[in-house]
Amino acid sequence: MRSRADASVALATLLLLSGCGGGYAKTGLASWYGEELAGRPTATGERFDPAGFTAAHRRLPLGSVAQVTNLATGRSILVRINDRGPYRHGRLIDLSRGSAQLLGTDRRALAKVRVRAVPHGRPGTVVADGRGAAPVAQPPVAPRSASGLYLVQVATFASQDRALALATQMAGVVVPAGALWRVQQGPFDAAAAQQARDAAAARGYADAHLVATD
């Protein structure tokens, strides 16, 4: 009975993939989300894990695997679709922080990617390293502040709602920057600012850095 049930699930998945165009492949923009949504239920019913290798997509079957390629570097990874979205115009896929870090797109709000449905695979697998993969950058050093005070710029989002959610969690503020939203903490003296930056990095915001207040 169990083998028959497993076969039925596999057949259903194949049919769903066929309904998405069989060899679904599309190029577009990827965004990502992290601790600000940690623990919230996804479309599959599981709790969102920012460190997991998952993604949200509007059409691909829940539980299916997709190959995502960073078009700037050629790096490709496998992710599991466990949620629906993104619902903002022009977005193709929403990656978890873990997926974005593995793909090398976590240092910007949006990245151009190619998404392709695959029949199977282990999420978190690096399919192609990409010769142009960007090196891991160190946080930029802030200019010396005349007042001795600094802000910590934790992260930048394309979504105001996500920026507000993170700012609430980290006792920060949201600062508009064109079409983007920055989450900042402070002001702090130099030592406290460095501690706050390190704490943000430990929570997964490796690009957090200090900004002089003057």
C-alpha atoms as a PDB file:
ATOM      1  CA  MET A   1       0.000   0.000   0.000  1.00  0.00           C
ATOM      2  CA  ARG A   2       2.787   2.422   0.896  1.00  0.00           C
ATOM      3  CA  SER A   3       4.636   1.899  -2.381  1.00  0.00           C
ATOM      4  CA  ARG A   4       1.393   2.493  -4.273  1.00  0.00           C
ATOM      5  CA  ALA A   5       0.798   5.705  -2.296  1.00  0.00           C
ATOM      6  CA  ASP A   6       4.368   6.877  -2.963  1.00  0.00           C
ATOM      7  CA  ALA A   7       3.912   6.176  -6.654  1.00  0.00           C
ATOM      8  CA  SER A   8       0.693   8.190  -6.640  1.00  0.00           C
ATOM      9  CA  VAL A   9       2.458  11.168  -5.041  1.00  0.00           C
ATOM     10  CA  ALA A  10       5.274  10.974  -7.596  1.00  0.00           C
ATOM     11  CA  LEU A  11       2.770  10.804 -10.452  1.00  0.00           C
ATOM     12  CA  ALA A  12       0.863  13.791  -9.067  1.00  0.00           C
ATOM     13  CA  THR A  13       4.075  15.802  -8.870  1.00  0.00           C
ATOM     14  CA  LEU A  14       4.966  14.967 -12.462  1.00  0.00           C
ATOM     15  CA  LEU A  15       1.498  15.998 -13.596  1.00  0.00           C
ATOM     16  CA  LEU A  16       1.787  19.274 -11.712  1.00  0.00           C
ATOM     17  CA  LEU A  17       5.138  19.961 -13.307  1.00  0.00           C
ATOM     18  CA  SER A  18       3.623  19.234 -16.691  1.00  0.00           C
ATOM     19  CA  GLY A  19       0.876  21.718 -15.902  1.00  0.00           C
ATOM     20  CA  CYS A  20       3.557  24.339 -15.351  1.00  0.00           C
ATOM     21  CA  GLY A  21       4.868  23.808 -18.831  1.00  0.00           C
ATOM     22  CA  GLY A  22       6.933  20.649 -18.292  1.00  0.00           C
ATOM     23  CA  GLY A  23      10.383  22.149 -18.768  1.00  0.00           C
ATOM     24  CA  TYR A  24       9.470  25.418 -17.074  1.00  0.00           C
ATOM     25  CA  ALA A  25      12.258  27.967 -17.422  1.00  0.00           C
ATOM     26  CA  LYS A  26      12.028  31.705 -17.012  1.00  0.00           C
ATOM     27  CA  THR A  27      14.319  34.670 -16.416  1.00  0.00           C
ATOM     28  CA  GLY A  28      13.434  37.458 -14.000  1.00  0.00           C
ATOM     29  CA  LEU A  29      14.203  39.153 -10.700  1.00  0.00           C
ATOM     30  CA  ALA A  30      14.777  37.349  -7.409  1.00  0.00           C
ATOM     31  CA  SER A  31      14.251  38.950  -4.011  1.00  0.00           C
ATOM     32  CA  TRP A  32      14.913  37.344  -0.631  1.00  0.00           C
ATOM     33  CA  TYR A  33      13.641  37.358   2.933  1.00  0.00           C
ATOM     34  CA  GLY A  34      15.111  36.379   6.278  1.00  0.00           C
ATOM     35  CA  GLU A  35      14.650  36.601  10.044  1.00  0.00           C
ATOM     36  CA  GLU A  36      11.843  39.152   9.769  1.00  0.00           C
ATOM     37  CA  LEU A  37       9.509  36.295   8.704  1.00  0.00           C
ATOM     38  CA  ALA A  38      11.085  33.472  10.725  1.00  0.00           C
ATOM     39  CA  GLY A  39       8.595  30.984  12.127  1.00  0.00           C
ATOM     40  CA  ARG A  40       5.651  32.125  10.041  1.00  0.00           C
ATOM     41  CA  PRO A  41       3.661  29.371   8.291  1.00  0.00           C
ATOM     42  CA  THR A  42       4.370  28.839   4.600  1.00  0.00           C
ATOM     43  CA  ALA A  43       1.938  27.562   1.956  1.00  0.00           C
ATOM     44  CA  THR A  44       3.039  23.989   2.708  1.00  0.00           C
ATOM     45  CA  GLY A  45       2.110  24.417   6.384  1.00  0.00           C
ATOM     46  CA  GLU A  46       5.695  24.251   7.627  1.00  0.00           C
ATOM     47  CA  ARG A  47       7.318  27.111   9.524  1.00  0.00           C
ATOM     48  CA  PHE A  48       9.637  29.358   7.557  1.00  0.00           C
ATOM     49  CA  ASP A  49      13.311  28.740   8.321  1.00  0.00           C
ATOM     50  CA  PRO A  50      15.487  31.628   7.053  1.00  0.00           C
ATOM     51  CA  ALA A  51      18.531  29.346   6.876  1.00  0.00           C
ATOM     52  CA  GLY A  52      16.754  26.714   4.770  1.00  0.00           C
ATOM     53  CA  PHE A  53      17.219  26.264   1.038  1.00  0.00           C
ATOM     54  CA  THR A  54      13.683  27.157   0.055  1.00  0.00           C
ATOM     55  CA  ALA A  55      11.844  29.659  -2.113  1.00  0.00           C
ATOM     56  CA  ALA A  56       8.420  31.070  -2.919  1.00  0.00           C
ATOM     57  CA  HIS A  57       7.057  30.900  -6.463  1.00  0.00           C
ATOM     58  CA  ARG A  58       3.623  31.654  -7.876  1.00  0.00           C
ATOM     59  CA  ARG A  59       3.306  28.682 -10.246  1.00  0.00           C
ATOM     60  CA  LEU A  60       5.738  25.864  -9.509  1.00  0.00           C
ATOM     61  CA  PRO A  61       4.216  23.005  -7.461  1.00  0.00           C
ATOM     62  CA  LEU A  62       4.687  23.147  -3.706  1.00  0.00           C
ATOM     63  CA  GLY A  63       7.347  20.669  -2.660  1.00  0.00           C
ATOM     64  CA  SER A  64       8.975  20.611  -6.095  1.00  0.00           C
ATOM     65  CA  VAL A  65      12.615  21.454  -6.760  1.00  0.00           C
ATOM     66  CA  ALA A  66      13.855  24.327  -8.917  1.00  0.00           C
ATOM     67  CA  GLN A  67      17.281  25.248 -10.222  1.00  0.00           C
ATOM     68  CA  VAL A  68      18.058  28.938  -9.741  1.00  0.00           C
ATOM     69  CA  THR A  69      20.957  30.531 -11.614  1.00  0.00           C
ATOM     70  CA  ASN A  70      22.558  33.846 -10.695  1.00  0.00           C
ATOM     71  CA  LEU A  71      22.953  35.428 -14.135  1.00  0.00           C
ATOM     72  CA  ALA A  72      25.677  37.782 -12.898  1.00  0.00           C
ATOM     73  CA  THR A  73      27.994  34.911 -11.914  1.00  0.00           C
ATOM     74  CA  GLY A  74      26.659  31.721 -13.488  1.00  0.00           C
ATOM     75  CA  ARG A  75      26.306  30.072 -10.079  1.00  0.00           C
ATOM     76  CA  SER A  76      23.354  27.644  -9.890  1.00  0.00           C
ATOM     77  CA  ILE A  77      21.723  26.036  -6.862  1.00  0.00           C
ATOM     78  CA  LEU A  78      18.730  23.817  -6.128  1.00  0.00           C
ATOM     79  CA  VAL A  79      15.905  25.039  -3.882  1.00  0.00           C
ATOM     80  CA  ARG A  80      12.621  23.575  -2.702  1.00  0.00           C
ATOM     81  CA  ILE A  81       9.408  25.491  -3.367  1.00  0.00           C
ATOM     82  CA  ASN A  82       7.520  25.735  -0.070  1.00  0.00           C
ATOM     83  CA  ASP A  83       5.548  28.967  -0.400  1.00  0.00           C
ATOM     84  CA  ARG A  84       3.626  31.192  -2.805  1.00  0.00           C
ATOM     85  CA  GLY A  85       4.809  34.569  -4.045  1.00  0.00           C
ATOM     86  CA  PRO A  86       6.331  37.010  -4.675  1.00  0.00           C
ATOM     87  CA  TYR A  87       3.306  39.173  -5.412  1.00  0.00           C
ATOM     88  CA  ARG A  88       5.066  42.414  -6.298  1.00  0.00           C
ATOM     89  CA  HIS A  89       5.084  43.209 -10.004  1.00  0.00           C
ATOM     90  CA  GLY A  90       8.250  42.210 -11.815  1.00  0.00           C
ATOM     91  CA  ARG A  91       9.446  39.622  -9.271  1.00  0.00           C
ATOM     92  CA  LEU A  92       9.905  36.007 -10.348  1.00  0.00           C
ATOM     93  CA  ILE A  93      10.992  34.204  -7.174  1.00  0.00           C
ATOM     94  CA  ASP A  94      11.477  34.969  -3.476  1.00  0.00           C
ATOM     95  CA  LEU A  95      14.453  33.151  -1.957  1.00  0.00           C
ATOM     96  CA  SER A  96      15.054  32.345   1.690  1.00  0.00           C
ATOM     97  CA  ARG A  97      18.140  34.012   3.179  1.00  0.00           C
ATOM     98  CA  GLY A  98      19.941  30.658   3.107  1.00  0.00           C
ATOM     99  CA  SER A  99      19.209  30.235  -0.590  1.00  0.00           C
ATOM    100  CA  ALA A 100      20.224  33.817  -1.387  1.00  0.00           C
ATOM    101  CA  GLN A 101      23.513  33.442   0.502  1.00  0.00           C
ATOM    102  CA  LEU A 102      24.314  30.179  -1.276  1.00  0.00           C
ATOM    103  CA  LEU A 103      23.474  31.758  -4.635  1.00  0.00           C
ATOM    104  CA  GLY A 104      25.444  34.915  -3.836  1.00  0.00           C
ATOM    105  CA  THR A 105      22.522  37.329  -4.177  1.00  0.00           C
ATOM    106  CA  ASP A 106      22.060  38.247  -0.506  1.00  0.00           C
ATOM    107  CA  ARG A 107      24.052  41.498  -0.725  1.00  0.00           C
ATOM    108  CA  ARG A 108      21.426  43.270  -2.806  1.00  0.00           C
ATOM    109  CA  ALA A 109      17.652  43.576  -2.701  1.00  0.00           C
ATOM    110  CA  LEU A 110      17.117  42.214  -6.217  1.00  0.00           C
ATOM    111  CA  ALA A 111      19.144  40.025  -8.570  1.00  0.00           C
ATOM    112  CA  LYS A 112      18.557  38.768 -12.091  1.00  0.00           C
ATOM    113  CA  VAL A 113      18.140  34.996 -12.160  1.00  0.00           C
ATOM    114  CA  ARG A 114      16.946  32.122 -14.293  1.00  0.00           C
ATOM    115  CA  VAL A 115      14.523  29.639 -12.706  1.00  0.00           C
ATOM    116  CA  ARG A 116      14.108  26.159 -14.151  1.00  0.00           C
ATOM    117  CA  ALA A 117      11.909  23.313 -12.897  1.00  0.00           C
ATOM    118  CA  VAL A 118      13.791  20.055 -12.306  1.00  0.00           C
ATOM    119  CA  PRO A 119      12.239  16.630 -11.596  1.00  0.00           C
ATOM    120  CA  HIS A 120      14.341  15.903  -8.510  1.00  0.00           C
ATOM    121  CA  GLY A 121      17.394  16.991  -6.553  1.00  0.00           C
ATOM    122  CA  ARG A 122      18.593  17.881  -3.071  1.00  0.00           C
ATOM    123  CA  PRO A 123      17.874  21.487  -2.003  1.00  0.00           C
ATOM    124  CA  GLY A 124      21.095  23.304  -1.163  1.00  0.00           C
ATOM    125  CA  THR A 125      23.085  21.538  -3.873  1.00  0.00           C
ATOM    126  CA  VAL A 126      25.401  23.807  -5.867  1.00  0.00           C
ATOM    127  CA  VAL A 127      24.904  22.726  -9.481  1.00  0.00           C
ATOM    128  CA  ALA A 128      27.446  25.154 -10.960  1.00  0.00           C
ATOM    129  CA  ASP A 129      29.963  27.349  -9.141  1.00  0.00           C
ATOM    130  CA  GLY A 130      30.172  30.013 -11.816  1.00  0.00           C
ATOM    131  CA  ARG A 131      33.585  31.313 -12.840  1.00  0.00           C
ATOM    132  CA  GLY A 132      32.604  34.875 -12.071  1.00  0.00           C
ATOM    133  CA  ALA A 133      31.334  34.203  -8.563  1.00  0.00           C
ATOM    134  CA  ALA A 134      31.850  37.295  -6.467  1.00  0.00           C
ATOM    135  CA  PRO A 135      34.260  37.007  -3.514  1.00  0.00           C
ATOM    136  CA  VAL A 136      32.889  37.459  -0.035  1.00  0.00           C
ATOM    137  CA  ALA A 137      33.324  41.124   0.760  1.00  0.00           C
ATOM    138  CA  GLN A 138      34.238  42.546   4.139  1.00  0.00           C
ATOM    139  CA  PRO A 139      31.849  45.143   5.586  1.00  0.00           C
ATOM    140  CA  PRO A 140      32.928  48.616   4.444  1.00  0.00           C
ATOM    141  CA  VAL A 141      34.788  50.709   6.993  1.00  0.00           C
ATOM    142  CA  ALA A 142      32.824  53.791   8.038  1.00  0.00           C
ATOM    143  CA  PRO A 143      34.456  57.206   7.676  1.00  0.00           C
ATOM    144  CA  ARG A 144      35.538  58.643  11.012  1.00  0.00           C
ATOM    145  CA  SER A 145      32.649  60.501  12.623  1.00  0.00           C
ATOM    146  CA  ALA A 146      33.399  64.009  13.905  1.00  0.00           C
ATOM    147  CA  SER A 147      30.700  63.577  16.561  1.00  0.00           C
ATOM    148  CA  GLY A 148      31.938  60.116  17.513  1.00  0.00           C
ATOM    149  CA  LEU A 149      28.498  58.637  16.763  1.00  0.00           C
ATOM    150  CA  TYR A 150      27.570  55.984  14.209  1.00  0.00           C
ATOM    151  CA  LEU A 151      24.498  54.290  12.790  1.00  0.00           C
ATOM    152  CA  VAL A 152      24.396  50.597  11.937  1.00  0.00           C
ATOM    153  CA  GLN A 153      22.875  49.956   8.534  1.00  0.00           C
ATOM    154  CA  VAL A 154      21.520  46.442   9.011  1.00  0.00           C
ATOM    155  CA  ALA A 155      19.899  45.631   5.673  1.00  0.00           C
ATOM    156  CA  THR A 156      18.216  47.080   2.605  1.00  0.00           C
ATOM    157  CA  PHE A 157      14.875  45.835   1.306  1.00  0.00           C
ATOM    158  CA  ALA A 158      12.720  46.398  -1.738  1.00  0.00           C
ATOM    159  CA  SER A 159       9.680  45.745   0.495  1.00  0.00           C
ATOM    160  CA  GLN A 160       8.695  48.381   3.056  1.00  0.00           C
ATOM    161  CA  ASP A 161       6.708  45.782   5.027  1.00  0.00           C
ATOM    162  CA  ARG A 162       9.757  43.568   5.470  1.00  0.00           C
ATOM    163  CA  ALA A 163      11.903  46.513   6.423  1.00  0.00           C
ATOM    164  CA  LEU A 164       9.352  47.537   9.057  1.00  0.00           C
ATOM    165  CA  ALA A 165       9.147  43.969  10.396  1.00  0.00           C
ATOM    166  CA  LEU A 166      12.918  43.760  10.827  1.00  0.00           C
ATOM    167  CA  ALA A 167      13.137  47.259  12.313  1.00  0.00           C
ATOM    168  CA  THR A 168      10.542  46.264  14.921  1.00  0.00           C
ATOM    169  CA  GLN A 169      12.500  43.121  15.821  1.00  0.00           C
ATOM    170  CA  MET A 170      15.818  44.947  16.111  1.00  0.00           C
ATOM    171  CA  ALA A 171      14.614  48.230  17.660  1.00  0.00           C
ATOM    172  CA  GLY A 172      15.692  50.087  14.558  1.00  0.00           C
ATOM    173  CA  VAL A 173      14.197  52.595  12.156  1.00  0.00           C
ATOM    174  CA  VAL A 174      13.293  52.439   8.466  1.00  0.00           C
ATOM    175  CA  VAL A 175      14.869  55.037   6.183  1.00  0.00           C
ATOM    176  CA  PRO A 176      13.617  55.404   2.581  1.00  0.00           C
ATOM    177  CA  ALA A 177      16.311  55.346  -0.108  1.00  0.00           C
ATOM    178  CA  GLY A 178      14.747  55.821  -3.515  1.00  0.00           C
ATOM    179  CA  ALA A 179      12.769  52.657  -4.295  1.00  0.00           C
ATOM    180  CA  LEU A 180      14.432  50.811  -1.394  1.00  0.00           C
ATOM    181  CA  TRP A 181      14.068  50.814   2.398  1.00  0.00           C
ATOM    182  CA  ARG A 182      17.019  50.734   4.785  1.00  0.00           C
ATOM    183  CA  VAL A 183      16.900  49.406   8.337  1.00  0.00           C
ATOM    184  CA  GLN A 184      19.219  51.310  10.670  1.00  0.00           C
ATOM    185  CA  GLN A 185      20.042  51.221  14.387  1.00  0.00           C
ATOM    186  CA  GLY A 186      21.572  53.861  16.600  1.00  0.00           C
ATOM    187  CA  PRO A 187      23.186  56.291  16.941  1.00  0.00           C
ATOM    188  CA  PHE A 188      25.915  54.615  19.020  1.00  0.00           C
ATOM    189  CA  ASP A 189      29.437  55.428  20.065  1.00  0.00           C
ATOM    190  CA  ALA A 190      32.113  53.540  18.123  1.00  0.00           C
ATOM    191  CA  ALA A 191      32.368  50.549  20.478  1.00  0.00           C
ATOM    192  CA  ALA A 192      28.609  50.064  20.847  1.00  0.00           C
ATOM    193  CA  ALA A 193      28.120  50.491  17.105  1.00  0.00           C
ATOM    194  CA  GLN A 194      30.643  47.747  16.385  1.00  0.00           C
ATOM    195  CA  GLN A 195      28.899  45.442  18.866  1.00  0.00           C
ATOM    196  CA  ALA A 196      25.533  46.136  17.231  1.00  0.00           C
ATOM    197  CA  ARG A 197      26.996  45.481  13.785  1.00  0.00           C
ATOM    198  CA  ASP A 198      28.479  42.176  14.935  1.00  0.00           C
ATOM    199  CA  ALA A 199      25.123  41.190  16.461  1.00  0.00           C
ATOM    200  CA  ALA A 200      23.346  41.946  13.177  1.00  0.00           C
ATOM    201  CA  ALA A 201      25.921  39.902  11.266  1.00  0.00           C
ATOM    202  CA  ALA A 202      25.432  36.997  13.690  1.00  0.00           C
ATOM    203  CA  ARG A 203      21.713  37.058  12.864  1.00  0.00           C
ATOM    204  CA  GLY A 204      22.492  36.596   9.198  1.00  0.00           C
ATOM    205  CA  TYR A 205      22.895  40.200   8.015  1.00  0.00           C
ATOM    206  CA  ALA A 206      26.528  39.884   6.992  1.00  0.00           C
ATOM    207  CA  ASP A 207      26.436  43.102   4.980  1.00  0.00           C
ATOM    208  CA  ALA A 208      25.586  45.238   8.042  1.00  0.00           C
ATOM    209  CA  HIS A 209      28.002  48.149   8.362  1.00  0.00           C
ATOM    210  CA  LEU A 210      28.630  51.423  10.178  1.00  0.00           C
ATOM    211  CA  VAL A 211      27.567  54.807   8.831  1.00  0.00           C
ATOM    212  CA  ALA A 212      28.940  58.067  10.242  1.00  0.00           C
ATOM    213  CA  THR A 213      26.232  60.436  11.481  1.00  0.00           C
ATOM    214  CA  ASP A 214      27.991  63.516  10.056  1.00  0.00           C
END
